[in-house]
PDB file of all heavy atoms in Angstrom:
ATOM      1  N   GLU A   1      75.753 107.920 110.081  1.00  0.00           N
ATOM      2  CA  GLU A   1      76.945 108.835 109.781  1.00  0.00           C
ATOM      3  C   GLU A   1      78.188 108.137 110.273  1.00  0.00           C
ATOM      4  O   GLU A   1      79.219 108.051 109.393  1.00  0.00           O
ATOM      5  CB  GLU A   1      76.811 110.132 110.625  1.00  0.00           C
ATOM      6  CG  GLU A   1      77.891 111.136 110.339  1.00  0.00           C
ATOM      7  CD  GLU A   1      78.015 111.672 108.906  1.00  0.00           C
ATOM      8  OE1 GLU A   1      76.851 111.601 108.306  1.00  0.00           O
ATOM      9  OE2 GLU A   1      79.028 112.073 108.531  1.00  0.00           O
ATOM     10  N   THR A   2      78.330 107.685 111.487  1.00  0.00           N
ATOM     11  CA  THR A   2      79.604 106.923 111.885  1.00  0.00           C
ATOM     12  C   THR A   2      79.848 105.638 111.191  1.00  0.00           C
ATOM     13  O   THR A   2      80.896 105.368 110.881  1.00  0.00           O
ATOM     14  CB  THR A   2      79.637 106.820 113.447  1.00  0.00           C
ATOM     15  OG1 THR A   2      78.404 106.133 113.906  1.00  0.00           O
ATOM     16  CG2 THR A   2      79.688 108.263 114.077  1.00  0.00           C
ATOM     17  N   GLY A   3      78.739 104.885 111.020  1.00  0.00           N
ATOM     18  CA  GLY A   3      78.651 103.608 110.435  1.00  0.00           C
ATOM     19  C   GLY A   3      79.138 103.566 109.110  1.00  0.00           C
ATOM     20  O   GLY A   3      79.957 102.659 108.637  1.00  0.00           O
ATOM     21  N   SER A   4      78.728 104.590 108.340  1.00  0.00           N
ATOM     22  CA  SER A   4      79.108 104.696 106.880  1.00  0.00           C
ATOM     23  C   SER A   4      80.591 104.925 106.768  1.00  0.00           C
ATOM     24  O   SER A   4      81.267 104.447 105.900  1.00  0.00           O
ATOM     25  CB  SER A   4      78.355 105.826 106.269  1.00  0.00           C
ATOM     26  OG  SER A   4      77.011 105.605 106.306  1.00  0.00           O
ATOM     27  N   HIS A   5      81.211 105.771 107.618  1.00  0.00           N
ATOM     28  CA  HIS A   5      82.590 106.065 107.643  1.00  0.00           C
ATOM     29  C   HIS A   5      83.421 104.739 107.859  1.00  0.00           C
ATOM     30  O   HIS A   5      84.386 104.544 107.234  1.00  0.00           O
ATOM     31  CB  HIS A   5      83.023 107.092 108.755  1.00  0.00           C
ATOM     32  CG  HIS A   5      82.490 108.494 108.431  1.00  0.00           C
ATOM     33  ND1 HIS A   5      82.585 109.461 109.289  1.00  0.00           N
ATOM     34  CD2 HIS A   5      81.761 108.945 107.370  1.00  0.00           C
ATOM     35  CE1 HIS A   5      82.141 110.621 108.686  1.00  0.00           C
ATOM     36  NE2 HIS A   5      81.575 110.275 107.580  1.00  0.00           N
ATOM     37  N   ILE A   6      82.933 103.974 108.872  1.00  0.00           N
ATOM     38  CA  ILE A   6      83.591 102.729 109.301  1.00  0.00           C
ATOM     39  C   ILE A   6      83.615 101.724 108.146  1.00  0.00           C
ATOM     40  O   ILE A   6      84.613 101.076 107.713  1.00  0.00           O
ATOM     41  CB  ILE A   6      82.933 102.061 110.490  1.00  0.00           C
ATOM     42  CG1 ILE A   6      83.231 102.912 111.641  1.00  0.00           C
ATOM     43  CG2 ILE A   6      83.365 100.613 110.734  1.00  0.00           C
ATOM     44  CD1 ILE A   6      82.386 102.575 112.961  1.00  0.00           C
ATOM     45  N   ILE A   7      82.506 101.600 107.383  1.00  0.00           N
ATOM     46  CA  ILE A   7      82.336 100.584 106.314  1.00  0.00           C
ATOM     47  C   ILE A   7      83.287 101.132 105.188  1.00  0.00           C
ATOM     48  O   ILE A   7      83.987 100.174 104.528  1.00  0.00           O
ATOM     49  CB  ILE A   7      80.894 100.515 105.925  1.00  0.00           C
ATOM     50  CG1 ILE A   7      80.018  99.859 106.910  1.00  0.00           C
ATOM     51  CG2 ILE A   7      80.760  99.737 104.591  1.00  0.00           C
ATOM     52  CD1 ILE A   7      78.596  99.897 106.753  1.00  0.00           C
ATOM     53  N   ALA A   8      83.205 102.305 104.915  1.00  0.00           N
ATOM     54  CA  ALA A   8      84.024 102.926 103.690  1.00  0.00           C
ATOM     55  C   ALA A   8      85.555 102.780 103.923  1.00  0.00           C
ATOM     56  O   ALA A   8      86.263 102.389 103.187  1.00  0.00           O
ATOM     57  CB  ALA A   8      83.701 104.290 103.467  1.00  0.00           C
ATOM     58  N   MET A   9      85.834 102.976 105.288  1.00  0.00           N
ATOM     59  CA  MET A   9      87.337 102.847 105.537  1.00  0.00           C
ATOM     60  C   MET A   9      87.739 101.245 105.492  1.00  0.00           C
ATOM     61  O   MET A   9      88.789 100.938 105.097  1.00  0.00           O
ATOM     62  CB  MET A   9      87.689 103.383 106.872  1.00  0.00           C
ATOM     63  CG  MET A   9      89.091 103.233 107.311  1.00  0.00           C
ATOM     64  SD  MET A   9      90.221 104.103 106.153  1.00  0.00           S
ATOM     65  CE  MET A   9      90.029 105.873 106.871  1.00  0.00           C
ATOM     66  N   ARG A  10      86.933 100.474 106.027  1.00  0.00           N
ATOM     67  CA  ARG A  10      87.268  98.969 105.976  1.00  0.00           C
ATOM     68  C   ARG A  10      87.401  98.596 104.670  1.00  0.00           C
ATOM     69  O   ARG A  10      88.424  97.783 104.283  1.00  0.00           O
ATOM     70  CB  ARG A  10      86.012  98.177 106.694  1.00  0.00           C
ATOM     71  CG  ARG A  10      86.088  98.291 108.240  1.00  0.00           C
ATOM     72  CD  ARG A  10      84.927  97.532 108.774  1.00  0.00           C
ATOM     73  NE  ARG A  10      84.832  97.483 110.299  1.00  0.00           N
ATOM     74  CZ  ARG A  10      83.904  96.971 110.987  1.00  0.00           C
ATOM     75  NH1 ARG A  10      82.833  96.517 110.472  1.00  0.00           N
ATOM     76  NH2 ARG A  10      83.974  96.956 112.294  1.00  0.00           N
ATOM     77  N   ALA A  11      86.460  98.897 103.797  1.00  0.00           N
ATOM     78  CA  ALA A  11      86.565  98.529 102.280  1.00  0.00           C
ATOM     79  C   ALA A  11      87.879  99.026 101.677  1.00  0.00           C
ATOM     80  O   ALA A  11      88.463  98.246 100.831  1.00  0.00           O
ATOM     81  CB  ALA A  11      85.447  98.941 101.583  1.00  0.00           C
ATOM     82  N   LYS A  12      88.213 100.202 101.909  1.00  0.00           N
ATOM     83  CA  LYS A  12      89.507 100.826 101.309  1.00  0.00           C
ATOM     84  C   LYS A  12      90.625 100.199 101.845  1.00  0.00           C
ATOM     85  O   LYS A  12      91.608  99.645 100.978  1.00  0.00           O
ATOM     86  CB  LYS A  12      89.523 102.367 101.676  1.00  0.00           C
ATOM     87  CG  LYS A  12      90.782 102.971 101.199  1.00  0.00           C
ATOM     88  CD  LYS A  12      90.847 104.454 101.686  1.00  0.00           C
ATOM     89  CE  LYS A  12      92.010 105.205 101.142  1.00  0.00           C
ATOM     90  NZ  LYS A  12      93.347 104.496 101.570  1.00  0.00           N
ATOM     91  N   ILE A  13      90.854  99.878 103.107  1.00  0.00           N
ATOM     92  CA  ILE A  13      92.062  99.384 103.685  1.00  0.00           C
ATOM     93  C   ILE A  13      92.060  97.932 103.234  1.00  0.00           C
ATOM     94  O   ILE A  13      93.269  97.426 102.896  1.00  0.00           O
ATOM     95  CB  ILE A  13      92.052  99.461 105.285  1.00  0.00           C
ATOM     96  CG1 ILE A  13      92.121 100.909 105.615  1.00  0.00           C
ATOM     97  CG2 ILE A  13      93.139  98.654 105.860  1.00  0.00           C
ATOM     98  CD1 ILE A  13      93.329 101.607 105.201  1.00  0.00           C
ATOM     99  N   LEU A  14      91.103  97.104 103.265  1.00  0.00           N
ATOM    100  CA  LEU A  14      91.061  95.740 102.895  1.00  0.00           C
ATOM    101  C   LEU A  14      91.568  95.620 101.413  1.00  0.00           C
ATOM    102  O   LEU A  14      92.170  94.640 101.016  1.00  0.00           O
ATOM    103  CB  LEU A  14      89.657  95.112 103.029  1.00  0.00           C
ATOM    104  CG  LEU A  14      89.416  94.751 104.497  1.00  0.00           C
ATOM    105  CD1 LEU A  14      87.804  94.320 104.721  1.00  0.00           C
ATOM    106  CD2 LEU A  14      90.342  93.702 105.096  1.00  0.00           C
ATOM    107  N   ASN A  15      91.041  96.522 100.593  1.00  0.00           N
ATOM    108  CA  ASN A  15      91.561  96.478  99.066  1.00  0.00           C
ATOM    109  C   ASN A  15      92.922  96.687  98.986  1.00  0.00           C
ATOM    110  O   ASN A  15      93.655  95.882  98.281  1.00  0.00           O
ATOM    111  CB  ASN A  15      90.780  97.647  98.442  1.00  0.00           C
ATOM    112  CG  ASN A  15      91.115  97.488  96.829  1.00  0.00           C
ATOM    113  OD1 ASN A  15      90.765  96.442  96.244  1.00  0.00           O
ATOM    114  ND2 ASN A  15      91.517  98.602  96.270  1.00  0.00           N
ATOM    115  N   ASP A  16      93.642  97.497  99.876  1.00  0.00           N
ATOM    116  CA  ASP A  16      95.043  97.567  99.812  1.00  0.00           C
ATOM    117  C   ASP A  16      95.784  96.538 100.525  1.00  0.00           C
ATOM    118  O   ASP A  16      96.829  96.011 100.063  1.00  0.00           O
ATOM    119  CB  ASP A  16      95.489  98.967 100.541  1.00  0.00           C
ATOM    120  CG  ASP A  16      94.916 100.163  99.805  1.00  0.00           C
ATOM    121  OD1 ASP A  16      94.575 100.075  98.551  1.00  0.00           O
ATOM    122  OD2 ASP A  16      94.854 101.243 100.494  1.00  0.00           O
ATOM    123  N   TYR A  17      95.201  95.957 101.393  1.00  0.00           N
ATOM    124  CA  TYR A  17      95.787  94.902 102.254  1.00  0.00           C
ATOM    125  C   TYR A  17      95.868  93.406 101.618  1.00  0.00           C
ATOM    126  O   TYR A  17      96.741  92.748 101.935  1.00  0.00           O
ATOM    127  CB  TYR A  17      94.965  94.699 103.578  1.00  0.00           C
ATOM    128  CG  TYR A  17      95.335  93.611 104.537  1.00  0.00           C
ATOM    129  CD1 TYR A  17      96.438  93.659 105.283  1.00  0.00           C
ATOM    130  CD2 TYR A  17      94.485  92.440 104.604  1.00  0.00           C
ATOM    131  CE1 TYR A  17      96.705  92.598 106.253  1.00  0.00           C
ATOM    132  CE2 TYR A  17      94.825  91.450 105.468  1.00  0.00           C
ATOM    133  CZ  TYR A  17      95.907  91.480 106.233  1.00  0.00           C
ATOM    134  OH  TYR A  17      96.257  90.455 107.126  1.00  0.00           O
ATOM    135  N   ARG A  18      95.006  93.256 100.643  1.00  0.00           N
ATOM    136  CA  ARG A  18      94.805  91.969  99.993  1.00  0.00           C
ATOM    137  C   ARG A  18      96.217  91.587  99.342  1.00  0.00           C
ATOM    138  O   ARG A  18      96.533  90.459  99.486  1.00  0.00           O
ATOM    139  CB  ARG A  18      93.850  92.073  98.864  1.00  0.00           C
ATOM    140  CG  ARG A  18      93.625  90.915  97.956  1.00  0.00           C
ATOM    141  CD  ARG A  18      92.597  90.867  96.956  1.00  0.00           C
ATOM    142  NE  ARG A  18      91.268  90.655  97.542  1.00  0.00           N
ATOM    143  CZ  ARG A  18      90.372  91.596  97.825  1.00  0.00           C
ATOM    144  NH1 ARG A  18      90.619  92.819  97.609  1.00  0.00           N
ATOM    145  NH2 ARG A  18      89.191  91.181  98.334  1.00  0.00           N
ATOM    146  N   ALA A  19      96.845  92.478  98.707  1.00  0.00           N
ATOM    147  CA  ALA A  19      98.083  92.105  98.127  1.00  0.00           C
ATOM    148  C   ALA A  19      99.169  91.659  99.020  1.00  0.00           C
ATOM    149  O   ALA A  19      99.919  90.764  98.831  1.00  0.00           O
ATOM    150  CB  ALA A  19      98.742  93.261  97.185  1.00  0.00           C
ATOM    151  N   PHE A  20      99.273  92.258 100.210  1.00  0.00           N
ATOM    152  CA  PHE A  20     100.100  91.886 101.287  1.00  0.00           C
ATOM    153  C   PHE A  20      99.768  90.457 101.842  1.00  0.00           C
ATOM    154  O   PHE A  20     100.783  89.796 102.025  1.00  0.00           O
ATOM    155  CB  PHE A  20     100.154  93.017 102.441  1.00  0.00           C
ATOM    156  CG  PHE A  20     100.616  94.334 102.106  1.00  0.00           C
ATOM    157  CD1 PHE A  20      99.872  95.293 101.471  1.00  0.00           C
ATOM    158  CD2 PHE A  20     101.962  94.597 102.316  1.00  0.00           C
ATOM    159  CE1 PHE A  20     100.391  96.481 101.155  1.00  0.00           C
ATOM    160  CE2 PHE A  20     102.540  95.776 101.929  1.00  0.00           C
ATOM    161  CZ  PHE A  20     101.662  96.787 101.431  1.00  0.00           C
ATOM    162  N   LEU A  21      98.528  90.190 101.946  1.00  0.00           N
ATOM    163  CA  LEU A  21      98.191  88.825 102.457  1.00  0.00           C
ATOM    164  C   LEU A  21      98.682  87.784 101.425  1.00  0.00           C
ATOM    165  O   LEU A  21      99.261  86.774 101.729  1.00  0.00           O
ATOM    166  CB  LEU A  21      96.709  88.739 102.607  1.00  0.00           C
ATOM    167  CG  LEU A  21      96.182  87.333 102.806  1.00  0.00           C
ATOM    168  CD1 LEU A  21      96.773  86.710 104.169  1.00  0.00           C
ATOM    169  CD2 LEU A  21      94.660  87.305 102.893  1.00  0.00           C
ATOM    170  N   GLN A  22      98.401  88.087 100.170  1.00  0.00           N
ATOM    171  CA  GLN A  22      98.847  87.064  99.154  1.00  0.00           C
ATOM    172  C   GLN A  22     100.262  86.846  98.989  1.00  0.00           C
ATOM    173  O   GLN A  22     100.788  85.838  98.775  1.00  0.00           O
ATOM    174  CB  GLN A  22      98.192  87.454  97.735  1.00  0.00           C
ATOM    175  CG  GLN A  22      96.704  87.514  97.740  1.00  0.00           C
ATOM    176  CD  GLN A  22      96.037  87.942  96.547  1.00  0.00           C
ATOM    177  OE1 GLN A  22      96.726  88.520  95.725  1.00  0.00           O
ATOM    178  NE2 GLN A  22      94.667  87.699  96.308  1.00  0.00           N
ATOM    179  N   ASP A  23     101.066  87.999  99.248  1.00  0.00           N
ATOM    180  CA  ASP A  23     102.482  87.869  99.144  1.00  0.00           C
ATOM    181  C   ASP A  23     103.006  87.119 100.227  1.00  0.00           C
ATOM    182  O   ASP A  23     103.870  86.346 100.263  1.00  0.00           O
ATOM    183  CB  ASP A  23     103.074  89.313  99.061  1.00  0.00           C
ATOM    184  CG  ASP A  23     104.601  89.275  99.078  1.00  0.00           C
ATOM    185  OD1 ASP A  23     105.143  88.798  98.057  1.00  0.00           O
ATOM    186  OD2 ASP A  23     105.221  89.707  99.996  1.00  0.00           O
ATOM    187  N   ALA A  24     102.505  87.350 101.623  1.00  0.00           N
ATOM    188  CA  ALA A  24     102.961  86.680 102.708  1.00  0.00           C
ATOM    189  C   ALA A  24     102.537  85.250 102.650  1.00  0.00           C
ATOM    190  O   ALA A  24     103.391  84.324 103.010  1.00  0.00           O
ATOM    191  CB  ALA A  24     102.285  87.304 103.944  1.00  0.00           C
ATOM    192  N   TYR A  25     101.409  84.819 102.192  1.00  0.00           N
ATOM    193  CA  TYR A  25     101.095  83.435 102.107  1.00  0.00           C
ATOM    194  C   TYR A  25     101.883  82.681 101.137  1.00  0.00           C
ATOM    195  O   TYR A  25     102.425  81.594 101.453  1.00  0.00           O
ATOM    196  CB  TYR A  25      99.512  83.310 101.677  1.00  0.00           C
ATOM    197  CG  TYR A  25      99.096  81.934 101.806  1.00  0.00           C
ATOM    198  CD1 TYR A  25      98.527  81.382 102.971  1.00  0.00           C
ATOM    199  CD2 TYR A  25      99.155  80.995 100.729  1.00  0.00           C
ATOM    200  CE1 TYR A  25      98.116  80.085 103.051  1.00  0.00           C
ATOM    201  CE2 TYR A  25      98.597  79.735 100.861  1.00  0.00           C
ATOM    202  CZ  TYR A  25      98.148  79.255 102.032  1.00  0.00           C
ATOM    203  OH  TYR A  25      97.683  77.931 102.074  1.00  0.00           O
ATOM    204  N   HIS A  26     102.170  83.252  99.935  1.00  0.00           N
ATOM    205  CA  HIS A  26     103.051  82.562  99.038  1.00  0.00           C
ATOM    206  C   HIS A  26     104.422  82.406  99.556  1.00  0.00           C
ATOM    207  O   HIS A  26     105.122  81.510  99.218  1.00  0.00           O
ATOM    208  CB  HIS A  26     103.055  83.337  97.705  1.00  0.00           C
ATOM    209  CG  HIS A  26     101.665  83.286  96.957  1.00  0.00           C
ATOM    210  ND1 HIS A  26     101.319  84.358  96.088  1.00  0.00           N
ATOM    211  CD2 HIS A  26     100.777  82.369  96.961  1.00  0.00           C
ATOM    212  CE1 HIS A  26     100.105  84.134  95.774  1.00  0.00           C
ATOM    213  NE2 HIS A  26      99.802  82.933  96.195  1.00  0.00           N
ATOM    214  N   LYS A  27     105.063  83.371 100.213  1.00  0.00           N
ATOM    215  CA  LYS A  27     106.365  83.354 100.930  1.00  0.00           C
ATOM    216  C   LYS A  27     106.379  82.237 101.879  1.00  0.00           C
ATOM    217  O   LYS A  27     107.397  81.559 101.916  1.00  0.00           O
ATOM    218  CB  LYS A  27     106.688  84.789 101.472  1.00  0.00           C
ATOM    219  CG  LYS A  27     108.122  84.801 102.032  1.00  0.00           C
ATOM    220  CD  LYS A  27     108.363  86.185 102.538  1.00  0.00           C
ATOM    221  CE  LYS A  27     108.237  87.240 101.372  1.00  0.00           C
ATOM    222  NZ  LYS A  27     108.591  88.577 101.878  1.00  0.00           N
ATOM    223  N   MET A  28     105.343  82.125 102.727  1.00  0.00           N
ATOM    224  CA  MET A  28     105.336  81.119 103.792  1.00  0.00           C
ATOM    225  C   MET A  28     105.047  79.716 103.182  1.00  0.00           C
ATOM    226  O   MET A  28     105.689  78.772 103.700  1.00  0.00           O
ATOM    227  CB  MET A  28     104.379  81.438 104.790  1.00  0.00           C
ATOM    228  CG  MET A  28     104.777  82.606 105.774  1.00  0.00           C
ATOM    229  SD  MET A  28     106.317  82.170 106.674  1.00  0.00           S
ATOM    230  CE  MET A  28     105.633  80.813 107.680  1.00  0.00           C
ATOM    231  N   SER A  29     104.154  79.584 102.353  1.00  0.00           N
ATOM    232  CA  SER A  29     103.701  78.265 101.892  1.00  0.00           C
ATOM    233  C   SER A  29     104.630  77.718 100.816  1.00  0.00           C
ATOM    234  O   SER A  29     104.760  76.520 100.625  1.00  0.00           O
ATOM    235  CB  SER A  29     102.246  78.330 101.374  1.00  0.00           C
ATOM    236  OG  SER A  29     102.186  79.127 100.234  1.00  0.00           O
ATOM    237  N   GLY A  30     105.004  78.664  99.723  1.00  0.00           N
ATOM    238  CA  GLY A  30     105.782  78.121  98.636  1.00  0.00           C
ATOM    239  C   GLY A  30     104.934  77.489  97.651  1.00  0.00           C
ATOM    240  O   GLY A  30     105.423  76.656  96.666  1.00  0.00           O
ATOM    241  N   ILE A  31     103.495  77.558  97.713  1.00  0.00           N
ATOM    242  CA  ILE A  31     102.720  76.848  96.748  1.00  0.00           C
ATOM    243  C   ILE A  31     101.731  77.937  96.138  1.00  0.00           C
ATOM    244  O   ILE A  31     101.834  79.086  96.522  1.00  0.00           O
ATOM    245  CB  ILE A  31     101.864  75.763  97.536  1.00  0.00           C
ATOM    246  CG1 ILE A  31     100.996  76.464  98.680  1.00  0.00           C
ATOM    247  CG2 ILE A  31     102.717  74.728  98.056  1.00  0.00           C
ATOM    248  CD1 ILE A  31     100.141  75.481  99.376  1.00  0.00           C
ATOM    249  N   ASP A  32     101.039  77.482  95.172  1.00  0.00           N
ATOM    250  CA  ASP A  32     100.267  78.378  94.158  1.00  0.00           C
ATOM    251  C   ASP A  32      98.926  78.681  94.621  1.00  0.00           C
ATOM    252  O   ASP A  32      98.220  79.307  93.901  1.00  0.00           O
ATOM    253  CB  ASP A  32     100.345  77.838  92.780  1.00  0.00           C
ATOM    254  CG  ASP A  32     101.676  77.802  92.198  1.00  0.00           C
ATOM    255  OD1 ASP A  32     102.441  78.754  92.633  1.00  0.00           O
ATOM    256  OD2 ASP A  32     102.074  77.080  91.410  1.00  0.00           O
ATOM    257  N   LEU A  33      98.435  78.188  95.719  1.00  0.00           N
ATOM    258  CA  LEU A  33      97.084  78.376  96.225  1.00  0.00           C
ATOM    259  C   LEU A  33      96.900  79.937  96.498  1.00  0.00           C
ATOM    260  O   LEU A  33      97.904  80.576  97.050  1.00  0.00           O
ATOM    261  CB  LEU A  33      96.746  77.669  97.486  1.00  0.00           C
ATOM    262  CG  LEU A  33      96.641  76.119  97.363  1.00  0.00           C
ATOM    263  CD1 LEU A  33      96.271  75.538  98.701  1.00  0.00           C
ATOM    264  CD2 LEU A  33      95.592  75.697  96.249  1.00  0.00           C
ATOM    265  N   VAL A  34      95.828  80.501  96.123  1.00  0.00           N
ATOM    266  CA  VAL A  34      95.560  81.969  96.269  1.00  0.00           C
ATOM    267  C   VAL A  34      94.721  82.241  97.458  1.00  0.00           C
ATOM    268  O   VAL A  34      93.685  82.005  97.348  1.00  0.00           O
ATOM    269  CB  VAL A  34      94.974  82.577  94.866  1.00  0.00           C
ATOM    270  CG1 VAL A  34      94.729  84.089  94.989  1.00  0.00           C
ATOM    271  CG2 VAL A  34      95.928  82.227  93.673  1.00  0.00           C
ATOM    272  N   PRO A  35      95.311  82.982  98.384  1.00  0.00           N
ATOM    273  CA  PRO A  35      94.493  83.387  99.568  1.00  0.00           C
ATOM    274  C   PRO A  35      93.664  84.705  99.156  1.00  0.00           C
ATOM    275  O   PRO A  35      94.156  85.535  98.546  1.00  0.00           O
ATOM    276  CB  PRO A  35      95.566  83.664 100.615  1.00  0.00           C
ATOM    277  CG  PRO A  35      96.778  84.116  99.820  1.00  0.00           C
ATOM    278  CD  PRO A  35      96.697  83.297  98.523  1.00  0.00           C
ATOM    279  N   ASP A  36      92.514  84.779  99.667  1.00  0.00           N
ATOM    280  CA  ASP A  36      91.623  85.914  99.470  1.00  0.00           C
ATOM    281  C   ASP A  36      90.695  86.052 100.497  1.00  0.00           C
ATOM    282  O   ASP A  36      90.642  85.219 101.556  1.00  0.00           O
ATOM    283  CB  ASP A  36      91.061  85.785  98.102  1.00  0.00           C
ATOM    284  CG  ASP A  36      90.814  87.159  97.574  1.00  0.00           C
ATOM    285  OD1 ASP A  36      90.863  88.250  98.259  1.00  0.00           O
ATOM    286  OD2 ASP A  36      90.516  87.261  96.254  1.00  0.00           O
ATOM    287  N   PHE A  37      89.886  87.086 100.488  1.00  0.00           N
ATOM    288  CA  PHE A  37      88.819  87.272 101.427  1.00  0.00           C
ATOM    289  C   PHE A  37      87.697  88.098 100.748  1.00  0.00           C
ATOM    290  O   PHE A  37      87.827  88.835  99.714  1.00  0.00           O
ATOM    291  CB  PHE A  37      89.326  88.006 102.680  1.00  0.00           C
ATOM    292  CG  PHE A  37      90.135  89.270 102.435  1.00  0.00           C
ATOM    293  CD1 PHE A  37      89.400  90.468 102.142  1.00  0.00           C
ATOM    294  CD2 PHE A  37      91.480  89.286 102.484  1.00  0.00           C
ATOM    295  CE1 PHE A  37      90.169  91.562 101.874  1.00  0.00           C
ATOM    296  CE2 PHE A  37      92.160  90.381 102.265  1.00  0.00           C
ATOM    297  CZ  PHE A  37      91.547  91.544 101.881  1.00  0.00           C
TER     298      PHE A  37
END
């Protein structure tokens, strides 16, 4: 019960967080490599 909630929330937040990571990396690096996870 509790573990399913944790996994579902992790998946949801990470899906939203991905775009912020890619934007931050491009801003700092200035190169076209795509960060992901």
